[in-house]
């Protein structure tokens, strides 16, 4: 028992803290800690932080069980969102945010973990632009296609275009994306500081800001520019 690795003892400590918090305060934070204790090892292993404490068989099991659990959670969120929407409960929108956040996070790390910064940035920007275009078009096409629909989807289409150009002008596009991200966040938050609006702003801002930062980084395949020696 004493030969357990440090991750086990950290997870056990978090688990015990969750139980104490549940018993003493009845605060829902205990559930967050409980989830953290369970996901600590696979998360660290996936990020390459503690792979030496996980063998290949464990990694394979974690990968398969994680994908199954993720699919079950998404289906549950969809079912609950449909039920709340049918009951006229506006809380169903929060489940939509959870679904989008989960899918966006998985897609984001799928390209980040490849460790090819410029290529990952391009994919993130294009995907974010397509998602923004999709959801803005759904909101504005209730009465059919119109000039207003085209205006509403134009920011998403512009982001897709910038993503395509980022391969040729990475740093310039990175700066433009940062400015555009700030403008989009301000527009979203101007509609209200509700949990839904804040969550939407984060879902938009985090991937785009990450992609912009990646565009300023030099890939391994990019040759270094050696400083000129004084003559």
C-alpha atoms as a PDB file:
ATOM      1  CA  UNK A   1       0.000   0.000   0.000  1.00  0.00           C
ATOM      2  CA  UNK A   2       2.823   2.377   0.864  1.00  0.00           C
ATOM      3  CA  UNK A   3       4.374   1.751  -2.575  1.00  0.00           C
ATOM      4  CA  UNK A   4       1.610   3.711  -4.288  1.00  0.00           C
ATOM      5  CA  UNK A   5       2.822   6.525  -6.552  1.00  0.00           C
ATOM      6  CA  UNK A   6       2.417  10.279  -5.774  1.00  0.00           C
ATOM      7  CA  UNK A   7      -0.602  10.653  -8.070  1.00  0.00           C
ATOM      8  CA  UNK A   8      -2.499   8.038  -6.045  1.00  0.00           C
ATOM      9  CA  UNK A   9      -1.862   9.878  -2.801  1.00  0.00           C
ATOM     10  CA  UNK A  10      -2.854  13.235  -4.321  1.00  0.00           C
ATOM     11  CA  UNK A  11      -6.088  11.748  -5.679  1.00  0.00           C
ATOM     12  CA  UNK A  12      -6.787  10.074  -2.327  1.00  0.00           C
ATOM     13  CA  UNK A  13      -6.254  13.388  -0.525  1.00  0.00           C
ATOM     14  CA  UNK A  14      -8.659  15.175  -2.880  1.00  0.00           C
ATOM     15  CA  UNK A  15     -11.211  12.382  -2.410  1.00  0.00           C
ATOM     16  CA  UNK A  16     -11.054  12.617   1.390  1.00  0.00           C
ATOM     17  CA  UNK A  17     -11.337  16.411   1.198  1.00  0.00           C
ATOM     18  CA  UNK A  18     -14.462  15.985  -0.968  1.00  0.00           C
ATOM     19  CA  UNK A  19     -16.049  13.680   1.621  1.00  0.00           C
ATOM     20  CA  UNK A  20     -15.265  16.115   4.451  1.00  0.00           C
ATOM     21  CA  UNK A  21     -16.661  19.036   2.477  1.00  0.00           C
ATOM     22  CA  UNK A  22     -19.859  17.104   1.719  1.00  0.00           C
ATOM     23  CA  UNK A  23     -20.336  16.154   5.375  1.00  0.00           C
ATOM     24  CA  UNK A  24     -19.570  19.575   6.845  1.00  0.00           C
ATOM     25  CA  UNK A  25     -20.883  22.190   4.398  1.00  0.00           C
ATOM     26  CA  UNK A  26     -23.221  20.356   1.985  1.00  0.00           C
ATOM     27  CA  UNK A  27     -21.633  22.593  -0.689  1.00  0.00           C
ATOM     28  CA  UNK A  28     -21.708  21.274  -4.259  1.00  0.00           C
ATOM     29  CA  UNK A  29     -17.959  21.889  -4.486  1.00  0.00           C
ATOM     30  CA  UNK A  30     -17.503  18.389  -3.077  1.00  0.00           C
ATOM     31  CA  UNK A  31     -18.738  16.960  -6.383  1.00  0.00           C
ATOM     32  CA  UNK A  32     -16.106  18.939  -8.308  1.00  0.00           C
ATOM     33  CA  UNK A  33     -13.377  17.594  -6.009  1.00  0.00           C
ATOM     34  CA  UNK A  34     -14.729  14.044  -6.343  1.00  0.00           C
ATOM     35  CA  UNK A  35     -14.566  14.272 -10.139  1.00  0.00           C
ATOM     36  CA  UNK A  36     -11.076  15.778  -9.908  1.00  0.00           C
ATOM     37  CA  UNK A  37      -9.792  12.909  -7.767  1.00  0.00           C
ATOM     38  CA  UNK A  38     -11.094  10.360 -10.276  1.00  0.00           C
ATOM     39  CA  UNK A  39      -9.828  12.134 -13.403  1.00  0.00           C
ATOM     40  CA  UNK A  40      -6.470  13.294 -12.020  1.00  0.00           C
ATOM     41  CA  UNK A  41      -4.360  10.388 -13.300  1.00  0.00           C
ATOM     42  CA  UNK A  42      -5.855  10.029 -16.821  1.00  0.00           C
ATOM     43  CA  UNK A  43      -5.808  13.797 -17.325  1.00  0.00           C
ATOM     44  CA  UNK A  44      -2.146  14.127 -16.354  1.00  0.00           C
ATOM     45  CA  UNK A  45      -1.277  11.114 -18.502  1.00  0.00           C
ATOM     46  CA  UNK A  46      -3.137  12.531 -21.505  1.00  0.00           C
ATOM     47  CA  UNK A  47      -1.237  15.804 -21.170  1.00  0.00           C
ATOM     48  CA  UNK A  48       2.063  13.906 -21.024  1.00  0.00           C
ATOM     49  CA  UNK A  49       2.789  15.054 -17.456  1.00  0.00           C
ATOM     50  CA  UNK A  50       2.782  11.683 -15.685  1.00  0.00           C
ATOM     51  CA  UNK A  51       2.950   9.013 -18.365  1.00  0.00           C
ATOM     52  CA  UNK A  52       5.615   7.103 -16.439  1.00  0.00           C
ATOM     53  CA  UNK A  53       3.001   6.268 -13.838  1.00  0.00           C
ATOM     54  CA  UNK A  54       0.626   4.754 -16.446  1.00  0.00           C
ATOM     55  CA  UNK A  55       1.427   1.749 -18.643  1.00  0.00           C
ATOM     56  CA  UNK A  56       0.187   1.314 -22.209  1.00  0.00           C
ATOM     57  CA  UNK A  57      -2.602  -1.058 -21.187  1.00  0.00           C
ATOM     58  CA  UNK A  58      -3.939   1.484 -18.703  1.00  0.00           C
ATOM     59  CA  UNK A  59      -3.736   4.232 -21.330  1.00  0.00           C
ATOM     60  CA  UNK A  60      -5.727   2.095 -23.803  1.00  0.00           C
ATOM     61  CA  UNK A  61      -8.391   1.339 -21.189  1.00  0.00           C
ATOM     62  CA  UNK A  62      -8.617   4.994 -20.181  1.00  0.00           C
ATOM     63  CA  UNK A  63      -8.945   6.052 -23.834  1.00  0.00           C
ATOM     64  CA  UNK A  64     -11.796   3.647 -24.573  1.00  0.00           C
ATOM     65  CA  UNK A  65     -13.669   4.166 -21.304  1.00  0.00           C
ATOM     66  CA  UNK A  66     -13.232   7.948 -21.596  1.00  0.00           C
ATOM     67  CA  UNK A  67     -14.740   8.031 -25.089  1.00  0.00           C
ATOM     68  CA  UNK A  68     -17.685   5.887 -23.970  1.00  0.00           C
ATOM     69  CA  UNK A  69     -18.289   8.072 -20.913  1.00  0.00           C
ATOM     70  CA  UNK A  70     -18.058  11.237 -23.026  1.00  0.00           C
ATOM     71  CA  UNK A  71     -20.624   9.884 -25.497  1.00  0.00           C
ATOM     72  CA  UNK A  72     -23.010   8.871 -22.679  1.00  0.00           C
ATOM     73  CA  UNK A  73     -22.685  12.316 -21.073  1.00  0.00           C
ATOM     74  CA  UNK A  74     -23.431  14.091 -24.380  1.00  0.00           C
ATOM     75  CA  UNK A  75     -26.483  11.909 -25.018  1.00  0.00           C
ATOM     76  CA  UNK A  76     -27.725  12.582 -21.470  1.00  0.00           C
ATOM     77  CA  UNK A  77     -27.309  16.338 -21.962  1.00  0.00           C
ATOM     78  CA  UNK A  78     -29.201  16.178 -25.264  1.00  0.00           C
ATOM     79  CA  UNK A  79     -32.087  14.200 -23.714  1.00  0.00           C
ATOM     80  CA  UNK A  80     -32.340  16.583 -20.746  1.00  0.00           C
ATOM     81  CA  UNK A  81     -32.178  19.638 -23.049  1.00  0.00           C
ATOM     82  CA  UNK A  82     -35.030  18.247 -25.187  1.00  0.00           C
ATOM     83  CA  UNK A  83     -37.102  17.484 -22.059  1.00  0.00           C
ATOM     84  CA  UNK A  84     -36.598  20.962 -20.535  1.00  0.00           C
ATOM     85  CA  UNK A  85     -37.303  22.660 -23.869  1.00  0.00           C
ATOM     86  CA  UNK A  86     -40.552  20.690 -24.221  1.00  0.00           C
ATOM     87  CA  UNK A  87     -41.532  21.781 -20.695  1.00  0.00           C
ATOM     88  CA  UNK A  88     -40.832  25.427 -21.565  1.00  0.00           C
ATOM     89  CA  UNK A  89     -37.928  25.619 -19.109  1.00  0.00           C
ATOM     90  CA  UNK A  90     -35.240  28.055 -20.399  1.00  0.00           C
ATOM     91  CA  UNK A  91     -32.554  26.120 -18.508  1.00  0.00           C
ATOM     92  CA  UNK A  92     -32.261  23.814 -21.516  1.00  0.00           C
ATOM     93  CA  UNK A  93     -29.837  26.331 -23.057  1.00  0.00           C
ATOM     94  CA  UNK A  94     -27.278  25.497 -20.354  1.00  0.00           C
ATOM     95  CA  UNK A  95     -27.157  21.907 -21.557  1.00  0.00           C
ATOM     96  CA  UNK A  96     -26.460  23.203 -25.075  1.00  0.00           C
ATOM     97  CA  UNK A  97     -23.531  25.181 -23.630  1.00  0.00           C
ATOM     98  CA  UNK A  98     -22.247  22.025 -21.908  1.00  0.00           C
ATOM     99  CA  UNK A  99     -22.473  20.021 -25.150  1.00  0.00           C
ATOM    100  CA  UNK A 100     -20.682  22.684 -27.191  1.00  0.00           C
ATOM    101  CA  UNK A 101     -18.025  23.146 -24.491  1.00  0.00           C
ATOM    102  CA  UNK A 102     -17.324  19.407 -24.387  1.00  0.00           C
ATOM    103  CA  UNK A 103     -17.073  19.039 -28.155  1.00  0.00           C
ATOM    104  CA  UNK A 104     -14.974  22.208 -28.495  1.00  0.00           C
ATOM    105  CA  UNK A 105     -12.566  21.065 -25.771  1.00  0.00           C
ATOM    106  CA  UNK A 106     -12.096  17.644 -27.347  1.00  0.00           C
ATOM    107  CA  UNK A 107     -11.525  19.157 -30.773  1.00  0.00           C
ATOM    108  CA  UNK A 108      -9.158  21.773 -29.339  1.00  0.00           C
ATOM    109  CA  UNK A 109      -6.925  19.256 -27.597  1.00  0.00           C
ATOM    110  CA  UNK A 110      -7.009  16.897 -30.569  1.00  0.00           C
ATOM    111  CA  UNK A 111      -5.030  19.492 -32.505  1.00  0.00           C
ATOM    112  CA  UNK A 112      -3.032  20.967 -29.594  1.00  0.00           C
ATOM    113  CA  UNK A 113      -1.541  17.610 -28.582  1.00  0.00           C
ATOM    114  CA  UNK A 114      -0.175  17.122 -32.106  1.00  0.00           C
ATOM    115  CA  UNK A 115       2.323  19.870 -31.116  1.00  0.00           C
ATOM    116  CA  UNK A 116       2.383  21.477 -34.555  1.00  0.00           C
ATOM    117  CA  UNK A 117       1.456  25.000 -33.497  1.00  0.00           C
ATOM    118  CA  UNK A 118       0.820  26.665 -36.854  1.00  0.00           C
ATOM    119  CA  UNK A 119      -1.187  23.770 -38.269  1.00  0.00           C
ATOM    120  CA  UNK A 120      -3.192  23.451 -35.056  1.00  0.00           C
ATOM    121  CA  UNK A 121      -3.957  27.193 -35.076  1.00  0.00           C
ATOM    122  CA  UNK A 122      -5.284  27.067 -38.626  1.00  0.00           C
ATOM    123  CA  UNK A 123      -7.591  24.142 -37.833  1.00  0.00           C
ATOM    124  CA  UNK A 124      -8.860  25.778 -34.635  1.00  0.00           C
ATOM    125  CA  UNK A 125      -9.648  29.086 -36.368  1.00  0.00           C
ATOM    126  CA  UNK A 126     -11.474  27.441 -39.275  1.00  0.00           C
ATOM    127  CA  UNK A 127     -13.467  25.161 -36.930  1.00  0.00           C
ATOM    128  CA  UNK A 128     -14.393  28.087 -34.656  1.00  0.00           C
ATOM    129  CA  UNK A 129     -15.486  30.161 -37.655  1.00  0.00           C
ATOM    130  CA  UNK A 130     -17.668  27.331 -38.970  1.00  0.00           C
ATOM    131  CA  UNK A 131     -19.291  26.818 -35.554  1.00  0.00           C
ATOM    132  CA  UNK A 132     -20.000  30.537 -35.179  1.00  0.00           C
ATOM    133  CA  UNK A 133     -21.476  30.592 -38.693  1.00  0.00           C
ATOM    134  CA  UNK A 134     -23.652  27.552 -37.925  1.00  0.00           C
ATOM    135  CA  UNK A 135     -25.136  28.860 -34.697  1.00  0.00           C
ATOM    136  CA  UNK A 136     -25.675  32.429 -35.901  1.00  0.00           C
ATOM    137  CA  UNK A 137     -27.424  31.120 -39.019  1.00  0.00           C
ATOM    138  CA  UNK A 138     -29.687  28.880 -36.897  1.00  0.00           C
ATOM    139  CA  UNK A 139     -30.686  31.843 -34.741  1.00  0.00           C
ATOM    140  CA  UNK A 140     -31.383  34.180 -37.654  1.00  0.00           C
ATOM    141  CA  UNK A 141     -33.072  31.840 -40.186  1.00  0.00           C
ATOM    142  CA  UNK A 142     -36.338  31.321 -38.306  1.00  0.00           C
ATOM    143  CA  UNK A 143     -38.165  33.432 -40.904  1.00  0.00           C
ATOM    144  CA  UNK A 144     -36.132  32.107 -43.810  1.00  0.00           C
ATOM    145  CA  UNK A 145     -32.889  33.325 -45.460  1.00  0.00           C
ATOM    146  CA  UNK A 146     -32.518  37.093 -45.715  1.00  0.00           C
ATOM    147  CA  UNK A 147     -29.981  39.889 -45.922  1.00  0.00           C
ATOM    148  CA  UNK A 148     -29.972  39.959 -42.120  1.00  0.00           C
ATOM    149  CA  UNK A 149     -28.915  36.313 -42.072  1.00  0.00           C
ATOM    150  CA  UNK A 150     -25.953  37.085 -44.335  1.00  0.00           C
ATOM    151  CA  UNK A 151     -24.929  39.978 -42.086  1.00  0.00           C
ATOM    152  CA  UNK A 152     -25.191  37.807 -38.960  1.00  0.00           C
ATOM    153  CA  UNK A 153     -23.057  34.984 -40.381  1.00  0.00           C
ATOM    154  CA  UNK A 154     -20.427  37.319 -41.863  1.00  0.00           C
ATOM    155  CA  UNK A 155     -18.193  37.344 -38.720  1.00  0.00           C
ATOM    156  CA  UNK A 156     -18.012  33.533 -38.757  1.00  0.00           C
ATOM    157  CA  UNK A 157     -17.238  33.459 -42.476  1.00  0.00           C
ATOM    158  CA  UNK A 158     -14.588  36.144 -41.978  1.00  0.00           C
ATOM    159  CA  UNK A 159     -12.939  33.993 -39.288  1.00  0.00           C
ATOM    160  CA  UNK A 160     -12.919  31.012 -41.667  1.00  0.00           C
ATOM    161  CA  UNK A 161     -11.223  33.183 -44.289  1.00  0.00           C
ATOM    162  CA  UNK A 162      -8.625  34.359 -41.778  1.00  0.00           C
ATOM    163  CA  UNK A 163      -7.963  30.745 -40.849  1.00  0.00           C
ATOM    164  CA  UNK A 164      -7.196  29.922 -44.473  1.00  0.00           C
ATOM    165  CA  UNK A 165      -4.879  32.952 -44.754  1.00  0.00           C
ATOM    166  CA  UNK A 166      -3.088  32.108 -41.503  1.00  0.00           C
ATOM    167  CA  UNK A 167      -0.940  29.538 -43.311  1.00  0.00           C
ATOM    168  CA  UNK A 168       0.669  32.297 -45.386  1.00  0.00           C
ATOM    169  CA  UNK A 169       0.564  35.226 -42.931  1.00  0.00           C
ATOM    170  CA  UNK A 170       0.645  33.619 -39.470  1.00  0.00           C
ATOM    171  CA  UNK A 171       1.733  36.521 -37.266  1.00  0.00           C
ATOM    172  CA  UNK A 172      -0.395  39.125 -39.043  1.00  0.00           C
ATOM    173  CA  UNK A 173      -3.487  36.929 -38.830  1.00  0.00           C
ATOM    174  CA  UNK A 174      -2.673  36.159 -35.191  1.00  0.00           C
ATOM    175  CA  UNK A 175      -2.895  39.853 -34.336  1.00  0.00           C
ATOM    176  CA  UNK A 176      -6.163  40.264 -36.258  1.00  0.00           C
ATOM    177  CA  UNK A 177      -7.673  37.218 -34.525  1.00  0.00           C
ATOM    178  CA  UNK A 178      -6.819  38.632 -31.089  1.00  0.00           C
ATOM    179  CA  UNK A 179      -8.562  41.915 -31.909  1.00  0.00           C
ATOM    180  CA  UNK A 180     -11.571  40.123 -33.432  1.00  0.00           C
ATOM    181  CA  UNK A 181     -11.841  37.839 -30.388  1.00  0.00           C
ATOM    182  CA  UNK A 182     -11.953  40.839 -28.053  1.00  0.00           C
ATOM    183  CA  UNK A 183     -14.680  42.474 -30.171  1.00  0.00           C
ATOM    184  CA  UNK A 184     -16.781  39.276 -30.260  1.00  0.00           C
ATOM    185  CA  UNK A 185     -16.516  38.843 -26.481  1.00  0.00           C
ATOM    186  CA  UNK A 186     -17.618  42.441 -25.913  1.00  0.00           C
ATOM    187  CA  UNK A 187     -20.599  41.939 -28.256  1.00  0.00           C
ATOM    188  CA  UNK A 188     -21.634  38.732 -26.489  1.00  0.00           C
ATOM    189  CA  UNK A 189     -21.301  40.187 -22.982  1.00  0.00           C
ATOM    190  CA  UNK A 190     -23.133  43.383 -24.001  1.00  0.00           C
ATOM    191  CA  UNK A 191     -26.309  41.279 -24.213  1.00  0.00           C
ATOM    192  CA  UNK A 192     -26.084  40.540 -20.485  1.00  0.00           C
ATOM    193  CA  UNK A 193     -23.785  39.036 -17.842  1.00  0.00           C
ATOM    194  CA  UNK A 194     -25.794  35.846 -17.409  1.00  0.00           C
ATOM    195  CA  UNK A 195     -24.120  32.469 -16.967  1.00  0.00           C
ATOM    196  CA  UNK A 196     -25.176  31.576 -20.506  1.00  0.00           C
ATOM    197  CA  UNK A 197     -23.559  34.692 -22.000  1.00  0.00           C
ATOM    198  CA  UNK A 198     -20.342  34.290 -19.994  1.00  0.00           C
ATOM    199  CA  UNK A 199     -20.069  30.616 -20.963  1.00  0.00           C
ATOM    200  CA  UNK A 200     -20.650  31.489 -24.628  1.00  0.00           C
ATOM    201  CA  UNK A 201     -17.955  34.170 -24.455  1.00  0.00           C
ATOM    202  CA  UNK A 202     -15.480  31.675 -22.999  1.00  0.00           C
ATOM    203  CA  UNK A 203     -16.296  29.044 -25.630  1.00  0.00           C
ATOM    204  CA  UNK A 204     -15.610  31.615 -28.355  1.00  0.00           C
ATOM    205  CA  UNK A 205     -12.618  33.350 -26.765  1.00  0.00           C
ATOM    206  CA  UNK A 206     -10.504  30.466 -25.448  1.00  0.00           C
ATOM    207  CA  UNK A 207     -10.034  28.551 -28.750  1.00  0.00           C
ATOM    208  CA  UNK A 208      -9.478  31.712 -30.816  1.00  0.00           C
ATOM    209  CA  UNK A 209      -7.051  33.259 -28.319  1.00  0.00           C
ATOM    210  CA  UNK A 210      -5.159  29.959 -28.103  1.00  0.00           C
ATOM    211  CA  UNK A 211      -4.946  29.763 -31.893  1.00  0.00           C
ATOM    212  CA  UNK A 212      -3.732  33.364 -32.118  1.00  0.00           C
ATOM    213  CA  UNK A 213      -0.979  32.622 -29.597  1.00  0.00           C
ATOM    214  CA  UNK A 214       0.052  29.548 -31.591  1.00  0.00           C
ATOM    215  CA  UNK A 215       0.418  31.631 -34.737  1.00  0.00           C
ATOM    216  CA  UNK A 216       3.154  33.655 -33.048  1.00  0.00           C
ATOM    217  CA  UNK A 217       5.142  30.504 -32.238  1.00  0.00           C
ATOM    218  CA  UNK A 218       7.680  29.050 -34.641  1.00  0.00           C
ATOM    219  CA  UNK A 219       7.116  25.475 -35.760  1.00  0.00           C
ATOM    220  CA  UNK A 220       9.965  22.970 -35.672  1.00  0.00           C
ATOM    221  CA  UNK A 221       9.861  22.776 -39.459  1.00  0.00           C
ATOM    222  CA  UNK A 222      10.354  26.534 -39.792  1.00  0.00           C
ATOM    223  CA  UNK A 223      14.034  27.471 -40.192  1.00  0.00           C
ATOM    224  CA  UNK A 224      15.501  29.751 -37.576  1.00  0.00           C
ATOM    225  CA  UNK A 225      16.666  33.172 -38.715  1.00  0.00           C
ATOM    226  CA  UNK A 226      20.252  33.561 -37.608  1.00  0.00           C
ATOM    227  CA  UNK A 227      21.310  37.067 -36.534  1.00  0.00           C
ATOM    228  CA  UNK A 228      23.728  38.819 -38.853  1.00  0.00           C
ATOM    229  CA  UNK A 229      27.277  38.887 -37.631  1.00  0.00           C
ATOM    230  CA  UNK A 230      28.919  42.312 -37.440  1.00  0.00           C
ATOM    231  CA  UNK A 231      31.488  42.862 -40.183  1.00  0.00           C
END
